[in-house]
Amino acid sequence: MNGTSSPGRVRRVVERVMKKDRIAIEIDGKALEPTRDTSVLAAALDAGLQIPYFCYHKKLSVTASCRMCLVEVEGTSRLQP
């Protein structure tokens, strides 16, 4: 990522294990504690954060085919949906 930020874009995601079924993440300075099976996009949307997307739907599997909602996750080498 180029280090610039615009509204609705996730600049940074930090993940650490908290409890068995929960994780702690931080998206643009906002701390969240979604369940382990919640995607970063779903957690952000549930928290009222705006991230642009085209192909996401709660009732469908994640395809990330439009590649619009990919985010940088610390500790990984690839962008994640």
N, C-alpha and C. Protein backbone atom coordinates (compact mmCIF):
# COMPACT_ATOMS: atom_id res chain seq x y z
N MET A 1 0.85 -1.16 0.00
CA MET A 1 0.00 0.00 0.00
C MET A 1 0.90 1.23 0.00
N ASN A 2 0.41 2.31 -0.49
CA ASN A 2 1.26 3.47 -0.69
C ASN A 2 1.34 4.40 0.51
N GLY A 3 0.68 4.09 1.61
CA GLY A 3 0.80 4.89 2.82
C GLY A 3 -0.15 6.07 2.88
N THR A 4 -0.84 6.37 1.80
CA THR A 4 -1.80 7.46 1.84
C THR A 4 -3.13 6.92 2.30
N SER A 5 -3.97 7.78 2.78
CA SER A 5 -5.26 7.36 3.29
C SER A 5 -6.36 8.23 2.74
N SER A 6 -7.49 7.62 2.49
CA SER A 6 -8.66 8.38 2.10
C SER A 6 -9.84 7.84 2.89
N PRO A 7 -10.93 8.61 3.03
CA PRO A 7 -12.07 8.15 3.82
C PRO A 7 -12.55 6.79 3.34
N GLY A 8 -12.89 5.93 4.29
CA GLY A 8 -13.40 4.62 3.96
C GLY A 8 -12.33 3.58 3.70
N ARG A 9 -11.10 3.96 3.64
CA ARG A 9 -10.01 3.01 3.38
C ARG A 9 -9.41 2.56 4.71
N VAL A 10 -9.14 1.31 4.80
CA VAL A 10 -8.50 0.80 6.00
C VAL A 10 -7.01 1.01 5.85
N ARG A 11 -6.43 1.78 6.75
CA ARG A 11 -4.99 2.05 6.70
C ARG A 11 -4.21 0.96 7.40
N ARG A 12 -4.74 0.50 8.50
CA ARG A 12 -3.95 -0.42 9.29
C ARG A 12 -4.86 -1.37 10.05
N VAL A 13 -4.51 -2.61 10.07
CA VAL A 13 -5.27 -3.59 10.84
C VAL A 13 -4.27 -4.35 11.72
N VAL A 14 -4.52 -4.34 13.01
CA VAL A 14 -3.65 -5.04 13.95
C VAL A 14 -4.49 -6.11 14.62
N GLU A 15 -4.00 -7.33 14.61
CA GLU A 15 -4.76 -8.43 15.18
C GLU A 15 -3.96 -9.10 16.28
N ARG A 16 -4.61 -9.44 17.37
CA ARG A 16 -3.97 -10.25 18.39
C ARG A 16 -5.04 -11.14 19.03
N VAL A 17 -4.66 -12.29 19.46
CA VAL A 17 -5.60 -13.24 20.05
C VAL A 17 -5.98 -12.75 21.43
N MET A 18 -7.28 -12.72 21.72
CA MET A 18 -7.75 -12.30 23.03
C MET A 18 -8.33 -13.47 23.80
N LYS A 19 -9.43 -13.99 23.31
CA LYS A 19 -10.12 -15.08 23.95
C LYS A 19 -10.27 -16.19 22.93
N LYS A 20 -10.86 -17.27 23.32
CA LYS A 20 -11.03 -18.39 22.40
C LYS A 20 -11.84 -18.01 21.16
N ASP A 21 -12.94 -17.32 21.35
CA ASP A 21 -13.84 -17.03 20.22
C ASP A 21 -13.77 -15.58 19.74
N ARG A 22 -12.96 -14.75 20.35
CA ARG A 22 -12.87 -13.34 19.99
C ARG A 22 -11.44 -12.95 19.66
N ILE A 23 -11.31 -11.94 18.82
CA ILE A 23 -10.00 -11.36 18.53
C ILE A 23 -10.13 -9.85 18.70
N ALA A 24 -9.02 -9.22 18.93
CA ALA A 24 -8.99 -7.76 19.02
C ALA A 24 -8.34 -7.23 17.75
N ILE A 25 -8.99 -6.31 17.08
CA ILE A 25 -8.42 -5.68 15.90
C ILE A 25 -8.58 -4.18 16.02
N GLU A 26 -7.75 -3.47 15.30
CA GLU A 26 -7.83 -2.02 15.28
C GLU A 26 -7.88 -1.59 13.82
N ILE A 27 -8.90 -0.84 13.47
CA ILE A 27 -9.06 -0.35 12.11
C ILE A 27 -9.12 1.17 12.17
N ASP A 28 -8.13 1.81 11.56
CA ASP A 28 -8.04 3.27 11.56
C ASP A 28 -8.23 3.87 12.95
N GLY A 29 -7.60 3.23 13.95
CA GLY A 29 -7.64 3.74 15.31
C GLY A 29 -8.84 3.32 16.13
N LYS A 30 -9.77 2.59 15.55
CA LYS A 30 -10.96 2.15 16.28
C LYS A 30 -10.79 0.69 16.68
N ALA A 31 -10.85 0.42 17.99
CA ALA A 31 -10.69 -0.94 18.51
C ALA A 31 -11.99 -1.72 18.37
N LEU A 32 -11.89 -2.94 17.85
CA LEU A 32 -13.04 -3.82 17.67
C LEU A 32 -12.72 -5.19 18.24
N GLU A 33 -13.74 -5.96 18.61
CA GLU A 33 -13.56 -7.31 19.12
C GLU A 33 -14.56 -8.26 18.47
N PRO A 34 -14.39 -8.54 17.18
CA PRO A 34 -15.31 -9.46 16.50
C PRO A 34 -15.00 -10.92 16.84
N THR A 35 -15.91 -11.81 16.52
CA THR A 35 -15.65 -13.23 16.68
C THR A 35 -14.61 -13.66 15.65
N ARG A 36 -13.94 -14.76 15.92
CA ARG A 36 -12.88 -15.25 15.04
C ARG A 36 -13.34 -15.49 13.61
N ASP A 37 -14.58 -15.88 13.42
CA ASP A 37 -15.06 -16.21 12.07
C ASP A 37 -15.59 -15.00 11.31
N THR A 38 -15.50 -13.82 11.88
CA THR A 38 -15.96 -12.60 11.21
C THR A 38 -14.83 -12.03 10.34
N SER A 39 -15.15 -11.69 9.11
CA SER A 39 -14.14 -11.09 8.23
C SER A 39 -13.85 -9.66 8.68
N VAL A 40 -12.71 -9.15 8.27
CA VAL A 40 -12.35 -7.77 8.59
C VAL A 40 -13.40 -6.83 8.02
N LEU A 41 -13.85 -7.08 6.80
CA LEU A 41 -14.85 -6.23 6.16
C LEU A 41 -16.15 -6.25 6.95
N ALA A 42 -16.63 -7.43 7.32
CA ALA A 42 -17.87 -7.53 8.09
C ALA A 42 -17.76 -6.83 9.44
N ALA A 43 -16.62 -6.98 10.11
CA ALA A 43 -16.41 -6.32 11.40
C ALA A 43 -16.44 -4.80 11.23
N ALA A 44 -15.79 -4.32 10.19
CA ALA A 44 -15.76 -2.87 9.95
C ALA A 44 -17.16 -2.35 9.64
N LEU A 45 -17.88 -3.04 8.78
CA LEU A 45 -19.24 -2.60 8.42
C LEU A 45 -20.16 -2.63 9.64
N ASP A 46 -20.05 -3.69 10.45
CA ASP A 46 -20.87 -3.79 11.67
C ASP A 46 -20.57 -2.65 12.64
N ALA A 47 -19.34 -2.14 12.62
CA ALA A 47 -18.94 -1.04 13.51
C ALA A 47 -19.25 0.33 12.92
N GLY A 48 -19.83 0.35 11.72
CA GLY A 48 -20.19 1.61 11.11
C GLY A 48 -19.08 2.26 10.31
N LEU A 49 -17.97 1.54 10.11
CA LEU A 49 -16.87 2.07 9.30
C LEU A 49 -17.20 1.84 7.83
N GLN A 50 -16.85 2.77 6.99
CA GLN A 50 -17.17 2.65 5.57
C GLN A 50 -15.96 2.16 4.80
N ILE A 51 -16.11 1.01 4.17
CA ILE A 51 -15.09 0.44 3.29
C ILE A 51 -15.80 0.13 1.98
N PRO A 52 -15.28 0.62 0.87
CA PRO A 52 -15.95 0.35 -0.41
C PRO A 52 -15.84 -1.13 -0.80
N TYR A 53 -16.89 -1.67 -1.40
CA TYR A 53 -16.90 -3.05 -1.87
C TYR A 53 -17.96 -3.20 -2.95
N PHE A 54 -17.79 -4.20 -3.80
CA PHE A 54 -18.79 -4.52 -4.83
C PHE A 54 -19.36 -5.91 -4.65
N CYS A 55 -18.51 -6.91 -4.40
CA CYS A 55 -18.95 -8.31 -4.48
C CYS A 55 -19.30 -8.93 -3.13
N TYR A 56 -19.22 -8.21 -2.04
CA TYR A 56 -19.49 -8.78 -0.71
C TYR A 56 -20.99 -8.86 -0.45
N HIS A 57 -21.42 -9.99 0.11
CA HIS A 57 -22.79 -10.16 0.60
C HIS A 57 -22.74 -11.12 1.77
N LYS A 58 -23.44 -10.79 2.86
CA LYS A 58 -23.39 -11.59 4.08
C LYS A 58 -23.75 -13.06 3.86
N LYS A 59 -24.63 -13.34 2.92
CA LYS A 59 -25.11 -14.70 2.72
C LYS A 59 -24.33 -15.49 1.67
N LEU A 60 -23.29 -14.90 1.11
CA LEU A 60 -22.49 -15.58 0.10
C LEU A 60 -21.05 -15.75 0.59
N SER A 61 -20.35 -16.72 0.00
CA SER A 61 -18.95 -16.92 0.37
C SER A 61 -18.11 -15.74 -0.14
N VAL A 62 -16.97 -15.53 0.51
CA VAL A 62 -16.09 -14.43 0.13
C VAL A 62 -15.33 -14.81 -1.13
N THR A 63 -15.48 -14.01 -2.17
CA THR A 63 -14.73 -14.27 -3.40
C THR A 63 -13.65 -13.23 -3.61
N ALA A 64 -13.89 -12.02 -3.16
CA ALA A 64 -12.94 -10.90 -3.32
C ALA A 64 -12.55 -10.72 -4.77
N SER A 65 -13.46 -11.06 -5.67
CA SER A 65 -13.15 -10.98 -7.10
C SER A 65 -12.99 -9.55 -7.59
N CYS A 66 -13.66 -8.60 -6.97
CA CYS A 66 -13.51 -7.22 -7.41
C CYS A 66 -12.23 -6.59 -6.84
N ARG A 67 -11.69 -7.20 -5.77
CA ARG A 67 -10.44 -6.77 -5.12
C ARG A 67 -10.51 -5.36 -4.53
N MET A 68 -11.70 -4.84 -4.36
CA MET A 68 -11.87 -3.49 -3.83
C MET A 68 -11.74 -3.44 -2.31
N CYS A 69 -12.10 -4.50 -1.63
CA CYS A 69 -12.14 -4.49 -0.16
C CYS A 69 -10.90 -5.10 0.47
N LEU A 70 -9.84 -5.33 -0.26
CA LEU A 70 -8.63 -5.92 0.30
C LEU A 70 -7.95 -4.95 1.25
N VAL A 71 -7.45 -5.49 2.36
CA VAL A 71 -6.81 -4.66 3.37
C VAL A 71 -5.44 -5.23 3.72
N GLU A 72 -4.61 -4.40 4.30
CA GLU A 72 -3.30 -4.81 4.77
C GLU A 72 -3.42 -5.29 6.21
N VAL A 73 -2.95 -6.51 6.46
CA VAL A 73 -2.98 -7.09 7.79
C VAL A 73 -1.55 -7.29 8.24
N GLU A 74 -1.20 -6.72 9.40
CA GLU A 74 0.17 -6.86 9.90
C GLU A 74 0.50 -8.33 10.09
N GLY A 75 1.71 -8.69 9.70
CA GLY A 75 2.15 -10.08 9.86
C GLY A 75 1.88 -10.96 8.66
N THR A 76 1.20 -10.43 7.64
CA THR A 76 0.97 -11.19 6.43
C THR A 76 1.61 -10.46 5.26
N SER A 77 1.93 -11.24 4.24
CA SER A 77 2.61 -10.64 3.09
C SER A 77 1.65 -10.25 1.97
N ARG A 78 0.42 -10.72 2.02
CA ARG A 78 -0.57 -10.43 0.97
C ARG A 78 -1.74 -9.64 1.55
N LEU A 79 -2.39 -8.89 0.67
CA LEU A 79 -3.61 -8.20 1.09
C LEU A 79 -4.70 -9.23 1.33
N GLN A 80 -5.57 -8.96 2.29
CA GLN A 80 -6.61 -9.90 2.71
C GLN A 80 -8.00 -9.32 2.47
N PRO A 81 -8.98 -10.19 2.10
CA PRO A 81 -10.37 -9.70 1.95
C PRO A 81 -11.02 -9.50 3.31
